[in-house]
Amino acid sequence: MTAPPQPQRDEGQPVGVRAYAEAEAAERELPTLLSGRGHPPEFRAGVTAGYSWALGREARSPVTGAGADGVPDMELLTAEIDAAVVREDEAAGDPVTRDYVRGVHSALAWICGYSNRRV
């Protein structure tokens, strides 16, 4: 049995509005960025999932399950942000889902340039 092919890393390829290397560096800093801020585990999991998918490490997006071959393009990233906003509203009574979706939204908002906060 062979492992599925992994997306090729291309440091010149953009991830949203960020350079691949910049997004990858932010992902490496997540443990530090998320520690000590009182974020619930579900939020941290959402942030991690958002970065991992945006960097092309996951085949399915974290909110909608949309497929992407490698690094998703800006259109797919922004569609996932939109879906996160809707899902967050729908999950008002479910704090676990709400916090996860907020984490995804936070990660993707930075990647797409809608926020200056990496988390």
PDB file of N, CA and C in Angstrom:
ATOM      1  N   MET A   1       0.843  -1.170   0.000  1.00  0.00           N
ATOM      2  CA  MET A   1       0.000   0.000   0.000  1.00  0.00           C
ATOM      3  C   MET A   1       0.894   1.240   0.000  1.00  0.00           C
ATOM      4  N   THR A   2       0.598   2.166  -0.870  1.00  0.00           N
ATOM      5  CA  THR A   2       1.396   3.386  -0.934  1.00  0.00           C
ATOM      6  C   THR A   2       0.614   4.547  -0.346  1.00  0.00           C
ATOM      7  N   ALA A   3       1.338   5.480   0.196  1.00  0.00           N
ATOM      8  CA  ALA A   3       0.727   6.676   0.779  1.00  0.00           C
ATOM      9  C   ALA A   3       0.232   7.583  -0.335  1.00  0.00           C
ATOM     10  N   PRO A   4      -0.852   8.333  -0.073  1.00  0.00           N
ATOM     11  CA  PRO A   4      -1.321   9.268  -1.096  1.00  0.00           C
ATOM     12  C   PRO A   4      -0.261  10.334  -1.360  1.00  0.00           C
ATOM     13  N   PRO A   5      -0.201  10.838  -2.577  1.00  0.00           N
ATOM     14  CA  PRO A   5       0.805  11.861  -2.873  1.00  0.00           C
ATOM     15  C   PRO A   5       0.571  13.106  -2.030  1.00  0.00           C
ATOM     16  N   GLN A   6       1.648  13.671  -1.578  1.00  0.00           N
ATOM     17  CA  GLN A   6       1.590  14.891  -0.782  1.00  0.00           C
ATOM     18  C   GLN A   6       1.739  16.098  -1.697  1.00  0.00           C
ATOM     19  N   PRO A   7       1.033  17.182  -1.384  1.00  0.00           N
ATOM     20  CA  PRO A   7       1.187  18.382  -2.203  1.00  0.00           C
ATOM     21  C   PRO A   7       2.645  18.848  -2.175  1.00  0.00           C
ATOM     22  N   GLN A   8       3.077  19.343  -3.294  1.00  0.00           N
ATOM     23  CA  GLN A   8       4.439  19.848  -3.346  1.00  0.00           C
ATOM     24  C   GLN A   8       4.507  21.202  -2.670  1.00  0.00           C
ATOM     25  N   ARG A   9       5.518  21.368  -1.886  1.00  0.00           N
ATOM     26  CA  ARG A   9       5.731  22.640  -1.204  1.00  0.00           C
ATOM     27  C   ARG A   9       6.355  23.608  -2.198  1.00  0.00           C
ATOM     28  N   ASP A  10       5.768  24.777  -2.297  1.00  0.00           N
ATOM     29  CA  ASP A  10       6.264  25.799  -3.212  1.00  0.00           C
ATOM     30  C   ASP A  10       6.296  27.115  -2.457  1.00  0.00           C
ATOM     31  N   GLU A  11       7.457  27.470  -1.968  1.00  0.00           N
ATOM     32  CA  GLU A  11       7.564  28.679  -1.149  1.00  0.00           C
ATOM     33  C   GLU A  11       7.242  29.939  -1.926  1.00  0.00           C
ATOM     34  N   GLY A  12       7.247  29.872  -3.241  1.00  0.00           N
ATOM     35  CA  GLY A  12       6.890  31.036  -4.028  1.00  0.00           C
ATOM     36  C   GLY A  12       5.388  31.146  -4.260  1.00  0.00           C
ATOM     37  N   GLN A  13       4.674  30.094  -3.936  1.00  0.00           N
ATOM     38  CA  GLN A  13       3.226  30.063  -4.150  1.00  0.00           C
ATOM     39  C   GLN A  13       2.520  30.833  -3.043  1.00  0.00           C
ATOM     40  N   PRO A  14       1.556  31.677  -3.394  1.00  0.00           N
ATOM     41  CA  PRO A  14       0.821  32.390  -2.338  1.00  0.00           C
ATOM     42  C   PRO A  14      -0.174  31.476  -1.635  1.00  0.00           C
ATOM     43  N   VAL A  15      -0.434  31.799  -0.384  1.00  0.00           N
ATOM     44  CA  VAL A  15      -1.472  31.163   0.421  1.00  0.00           C
ATOM     45  C   VAL A  15      -2.387  32.318   0.802  1.00  0.00           C
ATOM     46  N   GLY A  16      -3.480  32.479   0.079  1.00  0.00           N
ATOM     47  CA  GLY A  16      -4.291  33.682   0.241  1.00  0.00           C
ATOM     48  C   GLY A  16      -3.475  34.866  -0.240  1.00  0.00           C
ATOM     49  N   VAL A  17      -3.291  35.859   0.638  1.00  0.00           N
ATOM     50  CA  VAL A  17      -2.462  37.019   0.291  1.00  0.00           C
ATOM     51  C   VAL A  17      -1.058  36.889   0.881  1.00  0.00           C
ATOM     52  N   ARG A  18      -0.798  35.808   1.574  1.00  0.00           N
ATOM     53  CA  ARG A  18       0.493  35.604   2.229  1.00  0.00           C
ATOM     54  C   ARG A  18       1.415  34.745   1.372  1.00  0.00           C
ATOM     55  N   ALA A  19       2.702  34.958   1.526  1.00  0.00           N
ATOM     56  CA  ALA A  19       3.663  34.059   0.908  1.00  0.00           C
ATOM     57  C   ALA A  19       3.597  32.722   1.644  1.00  0.00           C
ATOM     58  N   TYR A  20       3.842  31.637   0.932  1.00  0.00           N
ATOM     59  CA  TYR A  20       3.784  30.310   1.550  1.00  0.00           C
ATOM     60  C   TYR A  20       4.673  30.261   2.787  1.00  0.00           C
ATOM     61  N   ALA A  21       5.884  30.764   2.667  1.00  0.00           N
ATOM     62  CA  ALA A  21       6.821  30.721   3.798  1.00  0.00           C
ATOM     63  C   ALA A  21       6.299  31.523   4.991  1.00  0.00           C
ATOM     64  N   GLU A  22       5.630  32.639   4.735  1.00  0.00           N
ATOM     65  CA  GLU A  22       5.079  33.453   5.822  1.00  0.00           C
ATOM     66  C   GLU A  22       3.954  32.701   6.539  1.00  0.00           C
ATOM     67  N   ALA A  23       3.064  32.073   5.773  1.00  0.00           N
ATOM     68  CA  ALA A  23       1.968  31.306   6.375  1.00  0.00           C
ATOM     69  C   ALA A  23       2.504  30.099   7.128  1.00  0.00           C
ATOM     70  N   GLU A  24       3.496  29.457   6.572  1.00  0.00           N
ATOM     71  CA  GLU A  24       4.103  28.292   7.231  1.00  0.00           C
ATOM     72  C   GLU A  24       4.789  28.706   8.536  1.00  0.00           C
ATOM     73  N   ALA A  25       5.451  29.848   8.531  1.00  0.00           N
ATOM     74  CA  ALA A  25       6.097  30.348   9.752  1.00  0.00           C
ATOM     75  C   ALA A  25       5.056  30.671  10.816  1.00  0.00           C
ATOM     76  N   ALA A  26       3.942  31.270  10.407  1.00  0.00           N
ATOM     77  CA  ALA A  26       2.866  31.568  11.360  1.00  0.00           C
ATOM     78  C   ALA A  26       2.308  30.278  11.945  1.00  0.00           C
ATOM     79  N   GLU A  27       2.175  29.255  11.113  1.00  0.00           N
ATOM     80  CA  GLU A  27       1.678  27.967  11.597  1.00  0.00           C
ATOM     81  C   GLU A  27       2.627  27.388  12.656  1.00  0.00           C
ATOM     82  N   ARG A  28       3.918  27.502  12.422  1.00  0.00           N
ATOM     83  CA  ARG A  28       4.899  26.996  13.403  1.00  0.00           C
ATOM     84  C   ARG A  28       4.811  27.750  14.723  1.00  0.00           C
ATOM     85  N   GLU A  29       4.377  29.010  14.674  1.00  0.00           N
ATOM     86  CA  GLU A  29       4.276  29.823  15.886  1.00  0.00           C
ATOM     87  C   GLU A  29       2.960  29.626  16.633  1.00  0.00           C
ATOM     88  N   LEU A  30       2.054  28.817  16.099  1.00  0.00           N
ATOM     89  CA  LEU A  30       0.742  28.657  16.722  1.00  0.00           C
ATOM     90  C   LEU A  30       0.798  28.250  18.193  1.00  0.00           C
ATOM     91  N   PRO A  31       1.641  27.302  18.580  1.00  0.00           N
ATOM     92  CA  PRO A  31       1.657  26.952  20.007  1.00  0.00           C
ATOM     93  C   PRO A  31       1.930  28.160  20.904  1.00  0.00           C
ATOM     94  N   THR A  32       2.827  29.025  20.488  1.00  0.00           N
ATOM     95  CA  THR A  32       3.136  30.226  21.263  1.00  0.00           C
ATOM     96  C   THR A  32       1.992  31.234  21.171  1.00  0.00           C
ATOM     97  N   LEU A  33       1.459  31.418  19.966  1.00  0.00           N
ATOM     98  CA  LEU A  33       0.384  32.390  19.772  1.00  0.00           C
ATOM     99  C   LEU A  33      -0.880  32.009  20.538  1.00  0.00           C
ATOM    100  N   LEU A  34      -1.130  30.731  20.664  1.00  0.00           N
ATOM    101  CA  LEU A  34      -2.359  30.267  21.298  1.00  0.00           C
ATOM    102  C   LEU A  34      -2.226  30.059  22.805  1.00  0.00           C
ATOM    103  N   SER A  35      -1.020  29.971  23.294  1.00  0.00           N
ATOM    104  CA  SER A  35      -0.841  29.721  24.727  1.00  0.00           C
ATOM    105  C   SER A  35      -1.081  30.996  25.527  1.00  0.00           C
ATOM    106  N   GLY A  36      -1.645  30.816  26.677  1.00  0.00           N
ATOM    107  CA  GLY A  36      -1.815  31.936  27.593  1.00  0.00           C
ATOM    108  C   GLY A  36      -2.898  32.922  27.229  1.00  0.00           C
ATOM    109  N   ARG A  37      -3.668  32.670  26.195  1.00  0.00           N
ATOM    110  CA  ARG A  37      -4.719  33.610  25.819  1.00  0.00           C
ATOM    111  C   ARG A  37      -6.098  33.133  26.258  1.00  0.00           C
ATOM    112  N   GLY A  38      -6.165  31.980  26.886  1.00  0.00           N
ATOM    113  CA  GLY A  38      -7.436  31.480  27.360  1.00  0.00           C
ATOM    114  C   GLY A  38      -8.357  30.965  26.268  1.00  0.00           C
ATOM    115  N   HIS A  39      -7.796  30.617  25.122  1.00  0.00           N
ATOM    116  CA  HIS A  39      -8.624  30.071  24.046  1.00  0.00           C
ATOM    117  C   HIS A  39      -9.037  28.645  24.390  1.00  0.00           C
ATOM    118  N   PRO A  40     -10.303  28.304  24.175  1.00  0.00           N
ATOM    119  CA  PRO A  40     -10.734  26.924  24.418  1.00  0.00           C
ATOM    120  C   PRO A  40     -10.073  25.965  23.426  1.00  0.00           C
ATOM    121  N   PRO A  41      -9.978  24.696  23.785  1.00  0.00           N
ATOM    122  CA  PRO A  41      -9.323  23.715  22.895  1.00  0.00           C
ATOM    123  C   PRO A  41      -9.958  23.647  21.508  1.00  0.00           C
ATOM    124  N   GLU A  42     -11.262  23.829  21.424  1.00  0.00           N
ATOM    125  CA  GLU A  42     -11.936  23.758  20.130  1.00  0.00           C
ATOM    126  C   GLU A  42     -11.504  24.915  19.220  1.00  0.00           C
ATOM    127  N   PHE A  43     -11.298  26.091  19.784  1.00  0.00           N
ATOM    128  CA  PHE A  43     -10.813  27.234  19.018  1.00  0.00           C
ATOM    129  C   PHE A  43      -9.416  26.921  18.485  1.00  0.00           C
ATOM    130  N   ARG A  44      -8.550  26.410  19.361  1.00  0.00           N
ATOM    131  CA  ARG A  44      -7.186  26.061  18.946  1.00  0.00           C
ATOM    132  C   ARG A  44      -7.202  25.014  17.841  1.00  0.00           C
ATOM    133  N   ALA A  45      -8.099  24.028  17.965  1.00  0.00           N
ATOM    134  CA  ALA A  45      -8.206  22.991  16.931  1.00  0.00           C
ATOM    135  C   ALA A  45      -8.657  23.605  15.603  1.00  0.00           C
ATOM    136  N   GLY A  46      -9.580  24.557  15.655  1.00  0.00           N
ATOM    137  CA  GLY A  46     -10.045  25.221  14.439  1.00  0.00           C
ATOM    138  C   GLY A  46      -8.949  26.032  13.762  1.00  0.00           C
ATOM    139  N   VAL A  47      -8.173  26.751  14.561  1.00  0.00           N
ATOM    140  CA  VAL A  47      -7.051  27.523  14.010  1.00  0.00           C
ATOM    141  C   VAL A  47      -6.069  26.579  13.317  1.00  0.00           C
ATOM    142  N   THR A  48      -5.722  25.513  13.999  1.00  0.00           N
ATOM    143  CA  THR A  48      -4.780  24.539  13.448  1.00  0.00           C
ATOM    144  C   THR A  48      -5.317  23.935  12.155  1.00  0.00           C
ATOM    145  N   ALA A  49      -6.596  23.581  12.144  1.00  0.00           N
ATOM    146  CA  ALA A  49      -7.204  23.005  10.948  1.00  0.00           C
ATOM    147  C   ALA A  49      -7.222  24.007   9.795  1.00  0.00           C
ATOM    148  N   GLY A  50      -7.497  25.263  10.098  1.00  0.00           N
ATOM    149  CA  GLY A  50      -7.517  26.290   9.063  1.00  0.00           C
ATOM    150  C   GLY A  50      -6.154  26.463   8.403  1.00  0.00           C
ATOM    151  N   TYR A  51      -5.112  26.557   9.207  1.00  0.00           N
ATOM    152  CA  TYR A  51      -3.761  26.699   8.656  1.00  0.00           C
ATOM    153  C   TYR A  51      -3.363  25.461   7.861  1.00  0.00           C
ATOM    154  N   SER A  52      -3.635  24.292   8.422  1.00  0.00           N
ATOM    155  CA  SER A  52      -3.234  23.049   7.762  1.00  0.00           C
ATOM    156  C   SER A  52      -3.888  22.917   6.387  1.00  0.00           C
ATOM    157  N   TRP A  53      -5.182  23.214   6.310  1.00  0.00           N
ATOM    158  CA  TRP A  53      -5.870  23.130   5.027  1.00  0.00           C
ATOM    159  C   TRP A  53      -5.355  24.202   4.059  1.00  0.00           C
ATOM    160  N   ALA A  54      -5.209  25.426   4.533  1.00  0.00           N
ATOM    161  CA  ALA A  54      -4.754  26.518   3.664  1.00  0.00           C
ATOM    162  C   ALA A  54      -3.366  26.247   3.093  1.00  0.00           C
ATOM    163  N   LEU A  55      -2.532  25.548   3.848  1.00  0.00           N
ATOM    164  CA  LEU A  55      -1.187  25.224   3.379  1.00  0.00           C
ATOM    165  C   LEU A  55      -1.159  23.973   2.500  1.00  0.00           C
ATOM    166  N   GLY A  56      -2.335  23.408   2.223  1.00  0.00           N
ATOM    167  CA  GLY A  56      -2.412  22.264   1.317  1.00  0.00           C
ATOM    168  C   GLY A  56      -2.095  20.938   1.954  1.00  0.00           C
ATOM    169  N   ARG A  57      -2.144  20.871   3.281  1.00  0.00           N
ATOM    170  CA  ARG A  57      -1.810  19.622   3.985  1.00  0.00           C
ATOM    171  C   ARG A  57      -3.024  18.731   4.220  1.00  0.00           C
ATOM    172  N   GLU A  58      -4.203  19.284   4.012  1.00  0.00           N
ATOM    173  CA  GLU A  58      -5.447  18.532   4.173  1.00  0.00           C
ATOM    174  C   GLU A  58      -6.226  18.622   2.866  1.00  0.00           C
ATOM    175  N   ALA A  59      -6.820  17.525   2.464  1.00  0.00           N
ATOM    176  CA  ALA A  59      -7.561  17.501   1.208  1.00  0.00           C
ATOM    177  C   ALA A  59      -8.928  18.155   1.324  1.00  0.00           C
ATOM    178  N   ARG A  60      -9.493  18.182   2.522  1.00  0.00           N
ATOM    179  CA  ARG A  60     -10.848  18.719   2.730  1.00  0.00           C
ATOM    180  C   ARG A  60     -10.807  19.933   3.646  1.00  0.00           C
ATOM    181  N   SER A  61     -11.604  20.919   3.307  1.00  0.00           N
ATOM    182  CA  SER A  61     -11.656  22.146   4.107  1.00  0.00           C
ATOM    183  C   SER A  61     -12.300  21.858   5.472  1.00  0.00           C
ATOM    184  N   PRO A  62     -11.956  22.646   6.483  1.00  0.00           N
ATOM    185  CA  PRO A  62     -12.383  22.339   7.848  1.00  0.00           C
ATOM    186  C   PRO A  62     -13.843  22.631   8.180  1.00  0.00           C
ATOM    187  N   VAL A  63     -14.524  23.456   7.409  1.00  0.00           N
ATOM    188  CA  VAL A  63     -15.926  23.784   7.719  1.00  0.00           C
ATOM    189  C   VAL A  63     -16.868  23.087   6.746  1.00  0.00           C
ATOM    190  N   THR A  64     -16.630  23.234   5.451  1.00  0.00           N
ATOM    191  CA  THR A  64     -17.563  22.704   4.453  1.00  0.00           C
ATOM    192  C   THR A  64     -17.170  21.331   3.921  1.00  0.00           C
ATOM    193  N   GLY A  65     -15.917  20.962   4.094  1.00  0.00           N
ATOM    194  CA  GLY A  65     -15.447  19.699   3.537  1.00  0.00           C
ATOM    195  C   GLY A  65     -15.142  19.776   2.059  1.00  0.00           C
ATOM    196  N   ALA A  66     -15.059  20.996   1.520  1.00  0.00           N
ATOM    197  CA  ALA A  66     -14.737  21.174   0.103  1.00  0.00           C
ATOM    198  C   ALA A  66     -13.345  20.624  -0.195  1.00  0.00           C
ATOM    199  N   GLY A  67     -13.207  20.027  -1.345  1.00  0.00           N
ATOM    200  CA  GLY A  67     -11.926  19.459  -1.738  1.00  0.00           C
ATOM    201  C   GLY A  67     -11.018  20.484  -2.383  1.00  0.00           C
ATOM    202  N   ALA A  68      -9.752  20.297  -2.174  1.00  0.00           N
ATOM    203  CA  ALA A  68      -8.739  21.142  -2.819  1.00  0.00           C
ATOM    204  C   ALA A  68      -7.540  20.260  -3.119  1.00  0.00           C
ATOM    205  N   ASP A  69      -6.971  20.455  -4.263  1.00  0.00           N
ATOM    206  CA  ASP A  69      -5.771  19.718  -4.641  1.00  0.00           C
ATOM    207  C   ASP A  69      -4.577  20.616  -4.351  1.00  0.00           C
ATOM    208  N   GLY A  70      -3.958  20.405  -3.209  1.00  0.00           N
ATOM    209  CA  GLY A  70      -2.855  21.263  -2.802  1.00  0.00           C
ATOM    210  C   GLY A  70      -3.372  22.516  -2.125  1.00  0.00           C
ATOM    211  N   VAL A  71      -2.687  23.608  -2.310  1.00  0.00           N
ATOM    212  CA  VAL A  71      -3.047  24.879  -1.680  1.00  0.00           C
ATOM    213  C   VAL A  71      -4.310  25.424  -2.349  1.00  0.00           C
ATOM    214  N   PRO A  72      -5.365  25.688  -1.552  1.00  0.00           N
ATOM    215  CA  PRO A  72      -6.594  26.227  -2.142  1.00  0.00           C
ATOM    216  C   PRO A  72      -6.385  27.651  -2.655  1.00  0.00           C
ATOM    217  N   ASP A  73      -7.104  27.993  -3.714  1.00  0.00           N
ATOM    218  CA  ASP A  73      -6.985  29.351  -4.252  1.00  0.00           C
ATOM    219  C   ASP A  73      -7.792  30.334  -3.401  1.00  0.00           C
ATOM    220  N   MET A  74      -7.627  31.595  -3.687  1.00  0.00           N
ATOM    221  CA  MET A  74      -8.274  32.652  -2.902  1.00  0.00           C
ATOM    222  C   MET A  74      -9.796  32.507  -2.919  1.00  0.00           C
ATOM    223  N   GLU A  75     -10.354  32.124  -4.038  1.00  0.00           N
ATOM    224  CA  GLU A  75     -11.805  31.959  -4.128  1.00  0.00           C
ATOM    225  C   GLU A  75     -12.302  30.891  -3.160  1.00  0.00           C
ATOM    226  N   LEU A  76     -11.611  29.789  -3.093  1.00  0.00           N
ATOM    227  CA  LEU A  76     -12.007  28.712  -2.190  1.00  0.00           C
ATOM    228  C   LEU A  76     -11.776  29.108  -0.730  1.00  0.00           C
ATOM    229  N   LEU A  77     -10.680  29.800  -0.458  1.00  0.00           N
ATOM    230  CA  LEU A  77     -10.414  30.269   0.907  1.00  0.00           C
ATOM    231  C   LEU A  77     -11.502  31.228   1.386  1.00  0.00           C
ATOM    232  N   THR A  78     -11.879  32.182   0.539  1.00  0.00           N
ATOM    233  CA  THR A  78     -12.893  33.147   0.962  1.00  0.00           C
ATOM    234  C   THR A  78     -14.275  32.499   1.062  1.00  0.00           C
ATOM    235  N   ALA A  79     -14.548  31.501   0.229  1.00  0.00           N
ATOM    236  CA  ALA A  79     -15.815  30.772   0.357  1.00  0.00           C
ATOM    237  C   ALA A  79     -15.865  30.048   1.702  1.00  0.00           C
ATOM    238  N   GLU A  80     -14.743  29.536   2.143  1.00  0.00           N
ATOM    239  CA  GLU A  80     -14.693  28.848   3.443  1.00  0.00           C
ATOM    240  C   GLU A  80     -14.878  29.843   4.588  1.00  0.00           C
ATOM    241  N   ILE A  81     -14.341  31.047   4.437  1.00  0.00           N
ATOM    242  CA  ILE A  81     -14.567  32.091   5.454  1.00  0.00           C
ATOM    243  C   ILE A  81     -16.052  32.419   5.526  1.00  0.00           C
ATOM    244  N   ASP A  82     -16.679  32.595   4.373  1.00  0.00           N
ATOM    245  CA  ASP A  82     -18.116  32.889   4.348  1.00  0.00           C
ATOM    246  C   ASP A  82     -18.911  31.773   5.014  1.00  0.00           C
ATOM    247  N   ALA A  83     -18.560  30.538   4.705  1.00  0.00           N
ATOM    248  CA  ALA A  83     -19.250  29.396   5.305  1.00  0.00           C
ATOM    249  C   ALA A  83     -19.037  29.367   6.821  1.00  0.00           C
ATOM    250  N   ALA A  84     -17.852  29.761   7.265  1.00  0.00           N
ATOM    251  CA  ALA A  84     -17.571  29.794   8.707  1.00  0.00           C
ATOM    252  C   ALA A  84     -18.462  30.812   9.407  1.00  0.00           C
ATOM    253  N   VAL A  85     -18.685  31.948   8.785  1.00  0.00           N
ATOM    254  CA  VAL A  85     -19.553  32.974   9.374  1.00  0.00           C
ATOM    255  C   VAL A  85     -20.974  32.428   9.536  1.00  0.00           C
ATOM    256  N   VAL A  86     -21.472  31.786   8.501  1.00  0.00           N
ATOM    257  CA  VAL A  86     -22.818  31.215   8.551  1.00  0.00           C
ATOM    258  C   VAL A  86     -22.879  30.109   9.591  1.00  0.00           C
ATOM    259  N   ARG A  87     -21.893  29.228   9.587  1.00  0.00           N
ATOM    260  CA  ARG A  87     -21.884  28.088  10.523  1.00  0.00           C
ATOM    261  C   ARG A  87     -21.783  28.570  11.968  1.00  0.00           C
ATOM    262  N   GLU A  88     -21.027  29.631  12.184  1.00  0.00           N
ATOM    263  CA  GLU A  88     -20.912  30.178  13.543  1.00  0.00           C
ATOM    264  C   GLU A  88     -22.273  30.655  14.041  1.00  0.00           C
ATOM    265  N   ASP A  89     -23.015  31.323  13.186  1.00  0.00           N
ATOM    266  CA  ASP A  89     -24.366  31.766  13.563  1.00  0.00           C
ATOM    267  C   ASP A  89     -25.267  30.577  13.861  1.00  0.00           C
ATOM    268  N   GLU A  90     -25.179  29.550  13.031  1.00  0.00           N
ATOM    269  CA  GLU A  90     -26.001  28.356  13.224  1.00  0.00           C
ATOM    270  C   GLU A  90     -25.645  27.617  14.512  1.00  0.00           C
ATOM    271  N   ALA A  91     -24.405  27.738  14.947  1.00  0.00           N
ATOM    272  CA  ALA A  91     -23.926  26.999  16.112  1.00  0.00           C
ATOM    273  C   ALA A  91     -23.987  27.817  17.398  1.00  0.00           C
ATOM    274  N   ALA A  92     -24.823  28.835  17.424  1.00  0.00           N
ATOM    275  CA  ALA A  92     -24.894  29.709  18.602  1.00  0.00           C
ATOM    276  C   ALA A  92     -25.132  28.932  19.892  1.00  0.00           C
ATOM    277  N   GLY A  93     -25.927  27.876  19.840  1.00  0.00           N
ATOM    278  CA  GLY A  93     -26.211  27.091  21.041  1.00  0.00           C
ATOM    279  C   GLY A  93     -25.268  25.918  21.257  1.00  0.00           C
ATOM    280  N   ASP A  94     -24.268  25.783  20.406  1.00  0.00           N
ATOM    281  CA  ASP A  94     -23.307  24.672  20.485  1.00  0.00           C
ATOM    282  C   ASP A  94     -21.899  25.258  20.612  1.00  0.00           C
ATOM    283  N   PRO A  95     -21.445  25.514  21.854  1.00  0.00           N
ATOM    284  CA  PRO A  95     -20.158  26.196  22.024  1.00  0.00           C
ATOM    285  C   PRO A  95     -18.963  25.444  21.454  1.00  0.00           C
ATOM    286  N   VAL A  96     -19.010  24.133  21.416  1.00  0.00           N
ATOM    287  CA  VAL A  96     -17.887  23.362  20.875  1.00  0.00           C
ATOM    288  C   VAL A  96     -17.730  23.660  19.386  1.00  0.00           C
ATOM    289  N   THR A  97     -18.825  23.533  18.642  1.00  0.00           N
ATOM    290  CA  THR A  97     -18.777  23.809  17.204  1.00  0.00           C
ATOM    291  C   THR A  97     -18.489  25.276  16.950  1.00  0.00           C
ATOM    292  N   ARG A  98     -19.146  26.149  17.699  1.00  0.00           N
ATOM    293  CA  ARG A  98     -18.955  27.594  17.523  1.00  0.00           C
ATOM    294  C   ARG A  98     -17.486  27.977  17.707  1.00  0.00           C
ATOM    295  N   ASP A  99     -16.846  27.481  18.758  1.00  0.00           N
ATOM    296  CA  ASP A  99     -15.448  27.827  19.011  1.00  0.00           C
ATOM    297  C   ASP A  99     -14.525  27.276  17.929  1.00  0.00           C
ATOM    298  N   TYR A 100     -14.793  26.064  17.458  1.00  0.00           N
ATOM    299  CA  TYR A 100     -13.991  25.479  16.375  1.00  0.00           C
ATOM    300  C   TYR A 100     -14.086  26.344  15.120  1.00  0.00           C
ATOM    301  N   VAL A 101     -15.318  26.700  14.749  1.00  0.00           N
ATOM    302  CA  VAL A 101     -15.530  27.499  13.537  1.00  0.00           C
ATOM    303  C   VAL A 101     -14.906  28.882  13.695  1.00  0.00           C
ATOM    304  N   ARG A 102     -14.980  29.454  14.881  1.00  0.00           N
ATOM    305  CA  ARG A 102     -14.313  30.747  15.120  1.00  0.00           C
ATOM    306  C   ARG A 102     -12.805  30.638  14.911  1.00  0.00           C
ATOM    307  N   GLY A 103     -12.234  29.522  15.336  1.00  0.00           N
ATOM    308  CA  GLY A 103     -10.803  29.312  15.132  1.00  0.00           C
ATOM    309  C   GLY A 103     -10.442  29.221  13.663  1.00  0.00           C
ATOM    310  N   VAL A 104     -11.239  28.465  12.912  1.00  0.00           N
ATOM    311  CA  VAL A 104     -11.012  28.371  11.460  1.00  0.00           C
ATOM    312  C   VAL A 104     -11.108  29.756  10.840  1.00  0.00           C
ATOM    313  N   HIS A 105     -12.148  30.480  11.192  1.00  0.00           N
ATOM    314  CA  HIS A 105     -12.352  31.821  10.645  1.00  0.00           C
ATOM    315  C   HIS A 105     -11.167  32.727  10.970  1.00  0.00           C
ATOM    316  N   SER A 106     -10.700  32.675  12.187  1.00  0.00           N
ATOM    317  CA  SER A 106      -9.573  33.510  12.602  1.00  0.00           C
ATOM    318  C   SER A 106      -8.332  33.224  11.759  1.00  0.00           C
ATOM    319  N   ALA A 107      -8.024  31.948  11.567  1.00  0.00           N
ATOM    320  CA  ALA A 107      -6.847  31.576  10.769  1.00  0.00           C
ATOM    321  C   ALA A 107      -6.988  32.035   9.325  1.00  0.00           C
ATOM    322  N   LEU A 108      -8.134  31.736   8.723  1.00  0.00           N
ATOM    323  CA  LEU A 108      -8.319  32.070   7.311  1.00  0.00           C
ATOM    324  C   LEU A 108      -8.435  33.571   7.080  1.00  0.00           C
ATOM    325  N   ALA A 109      -8.976  34.297   8.052  1.00  0.00           N
ATOM    326  CA  ALA A 109      -9.064  35.757   7.912  1.00  0.00           C
ATOM    327  C   ALA A 109      -7.671  36.368   7.805  1.00  0.00           C
ATOM    328  N   TRP A 110      -6.723  35.881   8.589  1.00  0.00           N
ATOM    329  CA  TRP A 110      -5.356  36.388   8.499  1.00  0.00           C
ATOM    330  C   TRP A 110      -4.728  35.975   7.169  1.00  0.00           C
ATOM    331  N   ILE A 111      -4.904  34.726   6.797  1.00  0.00           N
ATOM    332  CA  ILE A 111      -4.315  34.223   5.557  1.00  0.00           C
ATOM    333  C   ILE A 111      -4.825  35.014   4.346  1.00  0.00           C
ATOM    334  N   CYS A 112      -6.093  35.396   4.372  1.00  0.00           N
ATOM    335  CA  CYS A 112      -6.683  36.121   3.235  1.00  0.00           C
ATOM    336  C   CYS A 112      -6.511  37.633   3.333  1.00  0.00           C
ATOM    337  N   GLY A 113      -5.906  38.111   4.408  1.00  0.00           N
ATOM    338  CA  GLY A 113      -5.640  39.539   4.534  1.00  0.00           C
ATOM    339  C   GLY A 113      -6.780  40.346   5.112  1.00  0.00           C
ATOM    340  N   TYR A 114      -7.788  39.700   5.689  1.00  0.00           N
ATOM    341  CA  TYR A 114      -8.898  40.413   6.290  1.00  0.00           C
ATOM    342  C   TYR A 114      -8.613  40.823   7.730  1.00  0.00           C
ATOM    343  N   SER A 115      -7.519  40.336   8.268  1.00  0.00           N
ATOM    344  CA  SER A 115      -7.150  40.629   9.654  1.00  0.00           C
ATOM    345  C   SER A 115      -5.634  40.656   9.760  1.00  0.00           C
ATOM    346  N   ASN A 116      -5.129  41.446  10.668  1.00  0.00           N
ATOM    347  CA  ASN A 116      -3.687  41.467  10.928  1.00  0.00           C
ATOM    348  C   ASN A 116      -3.298  40.521  12.063  1.00  0.00           C
ATOM    349  N   ARG A 117      -4.309  39.927  12.717  1.00  0.00           N
ATOM    350  CA  ARG A 117      -4.063  38.977  13.810  1.00  0.00           C
ATOM    351  C   ARG A 117      -3.958  37.580  13.251  1.00  0.00           C
ATOM    352  N   ARG A 118      -2.846  36.904  13.529  1.00  0.00           N
ATOM    353  CA  ARG A 118      -2.640  35.544  13.024  1.00  0.00           C
ATOM    354  C   ARG A 118      -3.533  34.540  13.717  1.00  0.00           C
ATOM    355  N   VAL A 119      -4.050  34.895  14.869  1.00  0.00           N
ATOM    356  CA  VAL A 119      -4.974  34.034  15.621  1.00  0.00           C
ATOM    357  C   VAL A 119      -6.100  34.897  16.137  1.00  0.00           C
TER     358      VAL A 119
END
